[in-house]
Amino acid sequence: MIRQTKIWKSLSGSGKVSIVLLLLIVSFTVGYHLFGSETYRQPSGSSLEAPGLRHMMGTDDLGIDIAAQIGHGAGVSLLVGISSALLAGLGGSILGILAGYYRGWKDKLVMGLCDVVMTMPQMPLLIVLGAFFGSSTRNIILVIGFMSWAGPARIVRSRMLSMGKEAYVAAARSYGAGFFHLLMKHFIPGLYPLILVSMIRIVGHAIVAEAGLSFLGLGDPVSKSWGVILNRSINFPGIFFVESWKWWVLFPLVFLLVLVVSFAFLGRDLEKIMNTK
């Protein structure tokens, strides 16, 4: 508890605001899933109804509540972001640990793969892979995770090389400590802050990537993610000639920007705190 309090005090104003906003979005999507899980696909009002007491964010062309769609879409975005970050962060970290510890040809192989992945144009490749593997949420998570593991692998490998030169690691090795002992006692405690920051950064990247794919029509059409909502609203005939764009387009766009920027500010502050330590 004391440690969490110190971290909170170390955060900048933007970092604290980001945490509050993230908690509000999480609370919104949890509350929606508890009390209105079916309203995101069932008409509950007239077509293109303006925001009011009954529908606080209005309705779309089918009369479906936009607030309910955004609540459901927040869950989809967080699922894709966190799952992709876990997949890329843990997978890349494992490869980085192995490359930094064993070095030699294993290190060259992993770093060569990192170079290949990092030099690829990400968005065009995401579009191609998304179209090839299909538009399910699971496939989007796998594709984004595959494209995002190189960053954590490089960071962890670099830290492993520097930790391998530390006196306490050399002392542990002189007493016969093996890889798994060093990993649990020394490497993981020194690596987990870097891995955490890397994963937070990947969450924001994955949310933007999923929204981009869905906006282009390559996302799961039944998921009602924010990208799907934007795709449907932008493609509505004459959307910007009627008043409905003010709630059908702006609300999901604002939620998307707030979520991504909050993760970016939080990741930046945590990185500064970890570097200070």
C-alpha atoms as a PDB file:
ATOM      1  CA  MET A   1       0.000   0.000   0.000  1.00  0.00           C
ATOM      2  CA  ILE A   2       2.859   2.363   0.856  1.00  0.00           C
ATOM      3  CA  ARG A   3       4.501   1.620  -2.487  1.00  0.00           C
ATOM      4  CA  GLN A   4       1.300   2.355  -4.417  1.00  0.00           C
ATOM      5  CA  THR A   5       0.974   5.660  -2.527  1.00  0.00           C
ATOM      6  CA  LYS A   6       4.533   6.623  -3.503  1.00  0.00           C
ATOM      7  CA  ILE A   7       3.855   5.797  -7.148  1.00  0.00           C
ATOM      8  CA  TRP A   8       0.666   7.878  -7.068  1.00  0.00           C
ATOM      9  CA  LYS A   9       2.554  10.851  -5.616  1.00  0.00           C
ATOM     10  CA  SER A  10       5.269  10.439  -8.268  1.00  0.00           C
ATOM     11  CA  LEU A  11       2.767  10.705 -11.113  1.00  0.00           C
ATOM     12  CA  SER A  12       2.325  14.016 -12.889  1.00  0.00           C
ATOM     13  CA  GLY A  13      -1.040  15.727 -13.084  1.00  0.00           C
ATOM     14  CA  SER A  14      -1.702  14.240 -16.519  1.00  0.00           C
ATOM     15  CA  GLY A  15      -0.813  10.768 -15.214  1.00  0.00           C
ATOM     16  CA  LYS A  16      -3.275  11.076 -12.324  1.00  0.00           C
ATOM     17  CA  VAL A  17      -6.006  12.365 -14.633  1.00  0.00           C
ATOM     18  CA  SER A  18      -5.281   9.449 -16.989  1.00  0.00           C
ATOM     19  CA  ILE A  19      -5.800   6.902 -14.203  1.00  0.00           C
ATOM     20  CA  VAL A  20      -9.082   8.557 -13.205  1.00  0.00           C
ATOM     21  CA  LEU A  21     -10.300   8.561 -16.819  1.00  0.00           C
ATOM     22  CA  LEU A  22      -9.314   4.916 -17.294  1.00  0.00           C
ATOM     23  CA  LEU A  23     -11.166   3.948 -14.123  1.00  0.00           C
ATOM     24  CA  LEU A  24     -14.253   5.838 -15.318  1.00  0.00           C
ATOM     25  CA  ILE A  25     -14.182   4.065 -18.699  1.00  0.00           C
ATOM     26  CA  VAL A  26     -13.703   0.668 -17.028  1.00  0.00           C
ATOM     27  CA  SER A  27     -16.563   1.427 -14.608  1.00  0.00           C
ATOM     28  CA  PHE A  28     -18.746   2.505 -17.533  1.00  0.00           C
ATOM     29  CA  THR A  29     -18.165  -0.684 -19.504  1.00  0.00           C
ATOM     30  CA  VAL A  30     -18.528  -2.923 -16.411  1.00  0.00           C
ATOM     31  CA  GLY A  31     -21.775  -1.191 -15.470  1.00  0.00           C
ATOM     32  CA  TYR A  32     -23.039  -1.573 -19.022  1.00  0.00           C
ATOM     33  CA  HIS A  33     -22.259  -5.303 -19.110  1.00  0.00           C
ATOM     34  CA  LEU A  34     -24.001  -5.783 -15.753  1.00  0.00           C
ATOM     35  CA  PHE A  35     -27.185  -3.808 -16.456  1.00  0.00           C
ATOM     36  CA  GLY A  36     -27.591  -3.419 -20.221  1.00  0.00           C
ATOM     37  CA  SER A  37     -25.839  -6.268 -21.984  1.00  0.00           C
ATOM     38  CA  GLU A  38     -28.389  -6.634 -24.828  1.00  0.00           C
ATOM     39  CA  THR A  39     -29.242  -2.997 -25.557  1.00  0.00           C
ATOM     40  CA  TYR A  40     -26.260  -2.508 -27.890  1.00  0.00           C
ATOM     41  CA  ARG A  41     -27.969  -4.548 -30.645  1.00  0.00           C
ATOM     42  CA  GLN A  42     -31.663  -3.952 -29.984  1.00  0.00           C
ATOM     43  CA  PRO A  43     -33.519  -0.804 -31.125  1.00  0.00           C
ATOM     44  CA  SER A  44     -34.805   1.148 -28.156  1.00  0.00           C
ATOM     45  CA  GLY A  45     -35.835   4.454 -29.722  1.00  0.00           C
ATOM     46  CA  SER A  46     -36.552   6.269 -32.937  1.00  0.00           C
ATOM     47  CA  SER A  47     -33.983   6.580 -35.720  1.00  0.00           C
ATOM     48  CA  LEU A  48     -31.230   9.186 -35.185  1.00  0.00           C
ATOM     49  CA  GLU A  49     -32.742  10.446 -31.941  1.00  0.00           C
ATOM     50  CA  ALA A  50     -30.794  13.315 -30.389  1.00  0.00           C
ATOM     51  CA  PRO A  51     -29.165  12.923 -26.942  1.00  0.00           C
ATOM     52  CA  GLY A  52     -31.681  13.294 -24.123  1.00  0.00           C
ATOM     53  CA  LEU A  53     -32.822  11.810 -20.830  1.00  0.00           C
ATOM     54  CA  ARG A  54     -33.804   8.483 -22.387  1.00  0.00           C
ATOM     55  CA  HIS A  55     -30.732   8.150 -24.618  1.00  0.00           C
ATOM     56  CA  MET A  56     -27.937  10.282 -23.197  1.00  0.00           C
ATOM     57  CA  MET A  57     -25.808   9.874 -26.362  1.00  0.00           C
ATOM     58  CA  GLY A  58     -28.638   9.565 -28.874  1.00  0.00           C
ATOM     59  CA  THR A  59     -29.408   6.674 -31.228  1.00  0.00           C
ATOM     60  CA  ASP A  60     -28.137   5.514 -34.620  1.00  0.00           C
ATOM     61  CA  ASP A  61     -30.079   5.003 -37.852  1.00  0.00           C
ATOM     62  CA  LEU A  62     -31.649   1.807 -36.488  1.00  0.00           C
ATOM     63  CA  GLY A  63     -32.719   3.393 -33.209  1.00  0.00           C
ATOM     64  CA  ILE A  64     -30.061   1.558 -31.167  1.00  0.00           C
ATOM     65  CA  ASP A  65     -28.725   3.434 -28.147  1.00  0.00           C
ATOM     66  CA  ILE A  66     -25.230   4.793 -28.887  1.00  0.00           C
ATOM     67  CA  ALA A  67     -24.224   4.847 -25.208  1.00  0.00           C
ATOM     68  CA  ALA A  68     -24.901   1.112 -25.033  1.00  0.00           C
ATOM     69  CA  GLN A  69     -22.817   0.544 -28.172  1.00  0.00           C
ATOM     70  CA  ILE A  70     -19.957   2.594 -26.728  1.00  0.00           C
ATOM     71  CA  GLY A  71     -20.147   0.680 -23.452  1.00  0.00           C
ATOM     72  CA  HIS A  72     -19.926  -2.606 -25.321  1.00  0.00           C
ATOM     73  CA  GLY A  73     -17.216  -1.220 -27.618  1.00  0.00           C
ATOM     74  CA  ALA A  74     -15.119  -0.172 -24.619  1.00  0.00           C
ATOM     75  CA  GLY A  75     -15.072  -3.794 -23.501  1.00  0.00           C
ATOM     76  CA  VAL A  76     -13.983  -4.907 -26.977  1.00  0.00           C
ATOM     77  CA  SER A  77     -11.221  -2.279 -27.123  1.00  0.00           C
ATOM     78  CA  LEU A  78      -9.916  -3.159 -23.658  1.00  0.00           C
ATOM     79  CA  LEU A  79     -10.069  -6.876 -24.451  1.00  0.00           C
ATOM     80  CA  VAL A  80      -8.084  -6.414 -27.667  1.00  0.00           C
ATOM     81  CA  GLY A  81      -5.627  -3.989 -26.078  1.00  0.00           C
ATOM     82  CA  ILE A  82      -4.885  -5.983 -22.928  1.00  0.00           C
ATOM     83  CA  SER A  83      -4.841  -9.377 -24.676  1.00  0.00           C
ATOM     84  CA  SER A  84      -2.521  -8.116 -27.424  1.00  0.00           C
ATOM     85  CA  ALA A  85      -0.269  -6.502 -24.820  1.00  0.00           C
ATOM     86  CA  LEU A  86      -0.077  -9.726 -22.800  1.00  0.00           C
ATOM     87  CA  LEU A  87       0.645 -11.775 -25.900  1.00  0.00           C
ATOM     88  CA  ALA A  88       3.278  -9.404 -27.301  1.00  0.00           C
ATOM     89  CA  GLY A  89       4.731  -8.350 -23.943  1.00  0.00           C
ATOM     90  CA  LEU A  90       5.143 -11.812 -22.470  1.00  0.00           C
ATOM     91  CA  GLY A  91       6.175 -13.445 -25.750  1.00  0.00           C
ATOM     92  CA  GLY A  92       8.683 -10.715 -26.579  1.00  0.00           C
ATOM     93  CA  SER A  93      10.021 -10.695 -23.018  1.00  0.00           C
ATOM     94  CA  ILE A  94      10.637 -14.448 -23.047  1.00  0.00           C
ATOM     95  CA  LEU A  95      12.555 -14.171 -26.320  1.00  0.00           C
ATOM     96  CA  GLY A  96      14.485 -11.172 -25.001  1.00  0.00           C
ATOM     97  CA  ILE A  97      15.435 -13.026 -21.816  1.00  0.00           C
ATOM     98  CA  LEU A  98      16.650 -16.066 -23.743  1.00  0.00           C
ATOM     99  CA  ALA A  99      18.601 -13.904 -26.223  1.00  0.00           C
ATOM    100  CA  GLY A 100      20.234 -11.830 -23.485  1.00  0.00           C
ATOM    101  CA  TYR A 101      21.117 -14.800 -21.314  1.00  0.00           C
ATOM    102  CA  TYR A 102      22.391 -17.346 -23.846  1.00  0.00           C
ATOM    103  CA  ARG A 103      23.715 -14.829 -26.440  1.00  0.00           C
ATOM    104  CA  GLY A 104      25.553 -16.324 -29.412  1.00  0.00           C
ATOM    105  CA  TRP A 105      23.450 -17.582 -32.311  1.00  0.00           C
ATOM    106  CA  LYS A 106      20.240 -17.433 -30.259  1.00  0.00           C
ATOM    107  CA  ASP A 107      20.774 -13.728 -29.680  1.00  0.00           C
ATOM    108  CA  LYS A 108      21.509 -13.101 -33.354  1.00  0.00           C
ATOM    109  CA  LEU A 109      18.429 -15.068 -34.424  1.00  0.00           C
ATOM    110  CA  VAL A 110      16.057 -13.206 -32.107  1.00  0.00           C
ATOM    111  CA  MET A 111      17.520  -9.793 -32.954  1.00  0.00           C
ATOM    112  CA  GLY A 112      17.369 -10.629 -36.653  1.00  0.00           C
ATOM    113  CA  LEU A 113      13.668 -11.464 -36.327  1.00  0.00           C
ATOM    114  CA  CYS A 114      13.155  -8.214 -34.395  1.00  0.00           C
ATOM    115  CA  ASP A 115      14.809  -6.248 -37.207  1.00  0.00           C
ATOM    116  CA  VAL A 116      12.552  -7.904 -39.770  1.00  0.00           C
ATOM    117  CA  VAL A 117       9.350  -7.233 -37.792  1.00  0.00           C
ATOM    118  CA  MET A 118      10.269  -3.638 -36.896  1.00  0.00           C
ATOM    119  CA  THR A 119      11.139  -2.703 -40.482  1.00  0.00           C
ATOM    120  CA  MET A 120       7.801  -3.907 -41.833  1.00  0.00           C
ATOM    121  CA  PRO A 121       5.154  -1.215 -42.449  1.00  0.00           C
ATOM    122  CA  GLN A 122       2.763  -2.083 -39.659  1.00  0.00           C
ATOM    123  CA  MET A 123      -0.604  -0.751 -40.807  1.00  0.00           C
ATOM    124  CA  PRO A 124      -0.450  -2.146 -44.377  1.00  0.00           C
ATOM    125  CA  LEU A 125       0.691  -5.498 -42.988  1.00  0.00           C
ATOM    126  CA  LEU A 126      -2.084  -5.463 -40.393  1.00  0.00           C
ATOM    127  CA  ILE A 127      -4.589  -4.845 -43.179  1.00  0.00           C
ATOM    128  CA  VAL A 128      -3.212  -7.723 -45.272  1.00  0.00           C
ATOM    129  CA  LEU A 129      -3.037 -10.151 -42.339  1.00  0.00           C
ATOM    130  CA  GLY A 130      -6.474  -9.091 -41.078  1.00  0.00           C
ATOM    131  CA  ALA A 131      -7.984  -9.707 -44.508  1.00  0.00           C
ATOM    132  CA  PHE A 132      -6.166 -13.042 -44.861  1.00  0.00           C
ATOM    133  CA  PHE A 133      -6.928 -14.552 -41.440  1.00  0.00           C
ATOM    134  CA  GLY A 134     -10.462 -13.207 -41.103  1.00  0.00           C
ATOM    135  CA  SER A 135     -12.207 -10.505 -39.124  1.00  0.00           C
ATOM    136  CA  SER A 136     -12.791 -12.198 -35.759  1.00  0.00           C
ATOM    137  CA  THR A 137     -11.649 -10.494 -32.559  1.00  0.00           C
ATOM    138  CA  ARG A 138      -9.348 -13.424 -31.774  1.00  0.00           C
ATOM    139  CA  ASN A 139      -7.573 -13.103 -35.120  1.00  0.00           C
ATOM    140  CA  ILE A 140      -7.135  -9.357 -34.630  1.00  0.00           C
ATOM    141  CA  ILE A 141      -5.524  -9.996 -31.231  1.00  0.00           C
ATOM    142  CA  LEU A 142      -3.139 -12.568 -32.724  1.00  0.00           C
ATOM    143  CA  VAL A 143      -2.188 -10.309 -35.631  1.00  0.00           C
ATOM    144  CA  ILE A 144      -1.548  -7.254 -33.419  1.00  0.00           C
ATOM    145  CA  GLY A 145       0.392  -9.379 -30.925  1.00  0.00           C
ATOM    146  CA  PHE A 146       2.548 -10.788 -33.721  1.00  0.00           C
ATOM    147  CA  MET A 147       3.354  -7.279 -34.955  1.00  0.00           C
ATOM    148  CA  SER A 148       4.142  -5.860 -31.478  1.00  0.00           C
ATOM    149  CA  TRP A 149       6.490  -8.326 -29.749  1.00  0.00           C
ATOM    150  CA  ALA A 150       9.759  -6.961 -31.160  1.00  0.00           C
ATOM    151  CA  GLY A 151       9.798  -3.816 -28.996  1.00  0.00           C
ATOM    152  CA  PRO A 152       9.600  -5.614 -25.620  1.00  0.00           C
ATOM    153  CA  ALA A 153      12.091  -8.233 -26.856  1.00  0.00           C
ATOM    154  CA  ARG A 154      14.706  -5.576 -27.664  1.00  0.00           C
ATOM    155  CA  ILE A 155      14.205  -3.715 -24.385  1.00  0.00           C
ATOM    156  CA  VAL A 156      14.364  -6.862 -22.246  1.00  0.00           C
ATOM    157  CA  ARG A 157      17.377  -8.231 -24.124  1.00  0.00           C
ATOM    158  CA  SER A 158      19.280  -4.960 -23.589  1.00  0.00           C
ATOM    159  CA  ARG A 159      18.490  -4.998 -19.863  1.00  0.00           C
ATOM    160  CA  MET A 160      19.482  -8.654 -19.621  1.00  0.00           C
ATOM    161  CA  LEU A 161      22.900  -7.902 -21.109  1.00  0.00           C
ATOM    162  CA  SER A 162      23.535  -5.196 -18.515  1.00  0.00           C
ATOM    163  CA  MET A 163      22.203  -7.297 -15.620  1.00  0.00           C
ATOM    164  CA  GLY A 164      24.424 -10.209 -16.659  1.00  0.00           C
ATOM    165  CA  LYS A 165      27.473  -8.040 -15.856  1.00  0.00           C
ATOM    166  CA  GLU A 166      26.310  -7.180 -12.334  1.00  0.00           C
ATOM    167  CA  ALA A 167      28.375  -8.428  -9.403  1.00  0.00           C
ATOM    168  CA  TYR A 168      25.445 -10.135  -7.656  1.00  0.00           C
ATOM    169  CA  VAL A 169      24.680 -12.195 -10.773  1.00  0.00           C
ATOM    170  CA  ALA A 170      28.332 -13.211 -11.097  1.00  0.00           C
ATOM    171  CA  ALA A 171      28.376 -14.161  -7.406  1.00  0.00           C
ATOM    172  CA  ALA A 172      25.234 -16.272  -7.774  1.00  0.00           C
ATOM    173  CA  ARG A 173      26.738 -18.048 -10.769  1.00  0.00           C
ATOM    174  CA  SER A 174      29.945 -18.761  -8.837  1.00  0.00           C
ATOM    175  CA  TYR A 175      27.838 -20.590  -6.241  1.00  0.00           C
ATOM    176  CA  GLY A 176      26.292 -22.753  -8.969  1.00  0.00           C
ATOM    177  CA  ALA A 177      23.042 -20.852  -9.577  1.00  0.00           C
ATOM    178  CA  GLY A 178      21.324 -21.970 -12.785  1.00  0.00           C
ATOM    179  CA  PHE A 179      19.156 -20.105 -15.243  1.00  0.00           C
ATOM    180  CA  PHE A 180      15.830 -20.602 -13.465  1.00  0.00           C
ATOM    181  CA  HIS A 181      17.243 -19.568 -10.088  1.00  0.00           C
ATOM    182  CA  LEU A 182      18.725 -16.408 -11.579  1.00  0.00           C
ATOM    183  CA  LEU A 183      15.502 -15.771 -13.487  1.00  0.00           C
ATOM    184  CA  MET A 184      13.243 -15.932 -10.427  1.00  0.00           C
ATOM    185  CA  LYS A 185      15.578 -14.291  -7.903  1.00  0.00           C
ATOM    186  CA  HIS A 186      17.334 -11.623  -9.950  1.00  0.00           C
ATOM    187  CA  PHE A 187      16.167 -11.188 -13.546  1.00  0.00           C
ATOM    188  CA  ILE A 188      12.378 -10.967 -13.181  1.00  0.00           C
ATOM    189  CA  PRO A 189      12.481  -8.443 -10.281  1.00  0.00           C
ATOM    190  CA  GLY A 190      14.721  -6.238 -12.411  1.00  0.00           C
ATOM    191  CA  LEU A 191      12.768  -6.710 -15.614  1.00  0.00           C
ATOM    192  CA  TYR A 192       9.123  -6.498 -14.639  1.00  0.00           C
ATOM    193  CA  PRO A 193       8.988  -2.646 -14.492  1.00  0.00           C
ATOM    194  CA  LEU A 194      10.289  -2.480 -18.074  1.00  0.00           C
ATOM    195  CA  ILE A 195       7.882  -5.195 -19.198  1.00  0.00           C
ATOM    196  CA  LEU A 196       4.961  -3.403 -17.502  1.00  0.00           C
ATOM    197  CA  VAL A 197       5.700  -0.093 -19.226  1.00  0.00           C
ATOM    198  CA  SER A 198       6.141  -1.821 -22.585  1.00  0.00           C
ATOM    199  CA  MET A 199       2.810  -3.593 -22.215  1.00  0.00           C
ATOM    200  CA  ILE A 200       0.985  -0.379 -21.302  1.00  0.00           C
ATOM    201  CA  ARG A 201       2.344   1.236 -24.464  1.00  0.00           C
ATOM    202  CA  ILE A 202       1.233  -1.768 -26.531  1.00  0.00           C
ATOM    203  CA  VAL A 203      -2.313  -1.492 -25.124  1.00  0.00           C
ATOM    204  CA  GLY A 204      -2.761   1.963 -26.657  1.00  0.00           C
ATOM    205  CA  HIS A 205      -1.200   0.865 -29.944  1.00  0.00           C
ATOM    206  CA  ALA A 206      -3.435  -2.228 -30.101  1.00  0.00           C
ATOM    207  CA  ILE A 207      -6.602  -0.208 -29.430  1.00  0.00           C
ATOM    208  CA  VAL A 208      -5.756   2.182 -32.284  1.00  0.00           C
ATOM    209  CA  ALA A 209      -4.872  -0.733 -34.593  1.00  0.00           C
ATOM    210  CA  GLU A 210      -8.151  -2.547 -33.862  1.00  0.00           C
ATOM    211  CA  ALA A 211     -10.155   0.646 -34.374  1.00  0.00           C
ATOM    212  CA  GLY A 212      -8.325   1.284 -37.647  1.00  0.00           C
ATOM    213  CA  LEU A 213      -8.973  -2.224 -38.959  1.00  0.00           C
ATOM    214  CA  SER A 214     -12.628  -2.068 -37.915  1.00  0.00           C
ATOM    215  CA  PHE A 215     -13.033   1.369 -39.474  1.00  0.00           C
ATOM    216  CA  LEU A 216     -11.704  -0.023 -42.762  1.00  0.00           C
ATOM    217  CA  GLY A 217     -14.226  -2.859 -42.600  1.00  0.00           C
ATOM    218  CA  LEU A 218     -11.735  -5.548 -41.558  1.00  0.00           C
ATOM    219  CA  GLY A 219     -12.901  -5.872 -37.955  1.00  0.00           C
ATOM    220  CA  ASP A 220     -15.500  -8.193 -36.479  1.00  0.00           C
ATOM    221  CA  PRO A 221     -18.802  -6.738 -37.794  1.00  0.00           C
ATOM    222  CA  VAL A 222     -20.839  -8.095 -34.870  1.00  0.00           C
ATOM    223  CA  SER A 223     -18.474  -6.856 -32.157  1.00  0.00           C
ATOM    224  CA  LYS A 224     -19.811  -3.259 -32.197  1.00  0.00           C
ATOM    225  CA  SER A 225     -16.339  -1.953 -31.456  1.00  0.00           C
ATOM    226  CA  TRP A 226     -15.694   1.775 -31.701  1.00  0.00           C
ATOM    227  CA  GLY A 227     -14.116   1.319 -35.126  1.00  0.00           C
ATOM    228  CA  VAL A 228     -17.242  -0.502 -36.356  1.00  0.00           C
ATOM    229  CA  ILE A 229     -19.459   2.302 -35.006  1.00  0.00           C
ATOM    230  CA  LEU A 230     -17.334   4.927 -36.781  1.00  0.00           C
ATOM    231  CA  ASN A 231     -17.340   2.906 -40.000  1.00  0.00           C
ATOM    232  CA  ARG A 232     -21.117   2.627 -39.950  1.00  0.00           C
ATOM    233  CA  SER A 233     -21.656   6.290 -39.092  1.00  0.00           C
ATOM    234  CA  ILE A 234     -19.197   7.709 -41.648  1.00  0.00           C
ATOM    235  CA  ASN A 235     -20.685   5.544 -44.418  1.00  0.00           C
ATOM    236  CA  PHE A 236     -24.244   6.656 -43.633  1.00  0.00           C
ATOM    237  CA  PRO A 237     -25.473   8.666 -46.675  1.00  0.00           C
ATOM    238  CA  GLY A 238     -25.246  12.399 -46.037  1.00  0.00           C
ATOM    239  CA  ILE A 239     -24.074  11.989 -42.455  1.00  0.00           C
ATOM    240  CA  PHE A 240     -22.446  15.430 -42.331  1.00  0.00           C
ATOM    241  CA  PHE A 241     -25.509  17.148 -43.812  1.00  0.00           C
ATOM    242  CA  VAL A 242     -27.663  16.205 -40.817  1.00  0.00           C
ATOM    243  CA  GLU A 243     -27.314  16.926 -37.111  1.00  0.00           C
ATOM    244  CA  SER A 244     -26.805  13.268 -36.156  1.00  0.00           C
ATOM    245  CA  TRP A 245     -23.037  13.347 -36.844  1.00  0.00           C
ATOM    246  CA  LYS A 246     -22.644  15.385 -33.651  1.00  0.00           C
ATOM    247  CA  TRP A 247     -23.446  12.337 -31.531  1.00  0.00           C
ATOM    248  CA  TRP A 248     -23.065   9.321 -33.839  1.00  0.00           C
ATOM    249  CA  VAL A 249     -19.512  10.232 -34.917  1.00  0.00           C
ATOM    250  CA  LEU A 250     -18.155  12.397 -32.112  1.00  0.00           C
ATOM    251  CA  PHE A 251     -19.009  10.259 -29.075  1.00  0.00           C
ATOM    252  CA  PRO A 252     -17.127   7.078 -30.128  1.00  0.00           C
ATOM    253  CA  LEU A 253     -14.276   9.219 -31.509  1.00  0.00           C
ATOM    254  CA  VAL A 254     -13.907  11.127 -28.223  1.00  0.00           C
ATOM    255  CA  PHE A 255     -13.983   7.922 -26.168  1.00  0.00           C
ATOM    256  CA  LEU A 256     -11.331   6.380 -28.418  1.00  0.00           C
ATOM    257  CA  LEU A 257      -9.056   9.425 -28.136  1.00  0.00           C
ATOM    258  CA  VAL A 258      -9.480   9.653 -24.360  1.00  0.00           C
ATOM    259  CA  LEU A 259      -8.672   5.966 -23.864  1.00  0.00           C
ATOM    260  CA  VAL A 260      -5.578   5.987 -26.104  1.00  0.00           C
ATOM    261  CA  VAL A 261      -4.204   9.293 -24.766  1.00  0.00           C
ATOM    262  CA  SER A 262      -4.753   8.126 -21.173  1.00  0.00           C
ATOM    263  CA  PHE A 263      -2.692   4.993 -21.756  1.00  0.00           C
ATOM    264  CA  ALA A 264      -0.004   7.101 -23.471  1.00  0.00           C
ATOM    265  CA  PHE A 265       0.296   9.565 -20.557  1.00  0.00           C
ATOM    266  CA  LEU A 266       0.223   6.762 -17.993  1.00  0.00           C
ATOM    267  CA  GLY A 267       2.946   4.849 -19.827  1.00  0.00           C
ATOM    268  CA  ARG A 268       5.078   7.987 -20.091  1.00  0.00           C
ATOM    269  CA  ASP A 269       4.818   8.713 -16.354  1.00  0.00           C
ATOM    270  CA  LEU A 270       5.544   5.118 -15.335  1.00  0.00           C
ATOM    271  CA  GLU A 271       8.574   5.080 -17.627  1.00  0.00           C
ATOM    272  CA  LYS A 272       9.921   8.215 -15.931  1.00  0.00           C
ATOM    273  CA  ILE A 273       9.359   6.692 -12.484  1.00  0.00           C
ATOM    274  CA  MET A 274      11.120   3.449 -13.454  1.00  0.00           C
ATOM    275  CA  ASN A 275      14.053   5.334 -14.985  1.00  0.00           C
ATOM    276  CA  THR A 276      14.412   7.398 -11.803  1.00  0.00           C
ATOM    277  CA  LYS A 277      14.648   4.197  -9.781  1.00  0.00           C
END
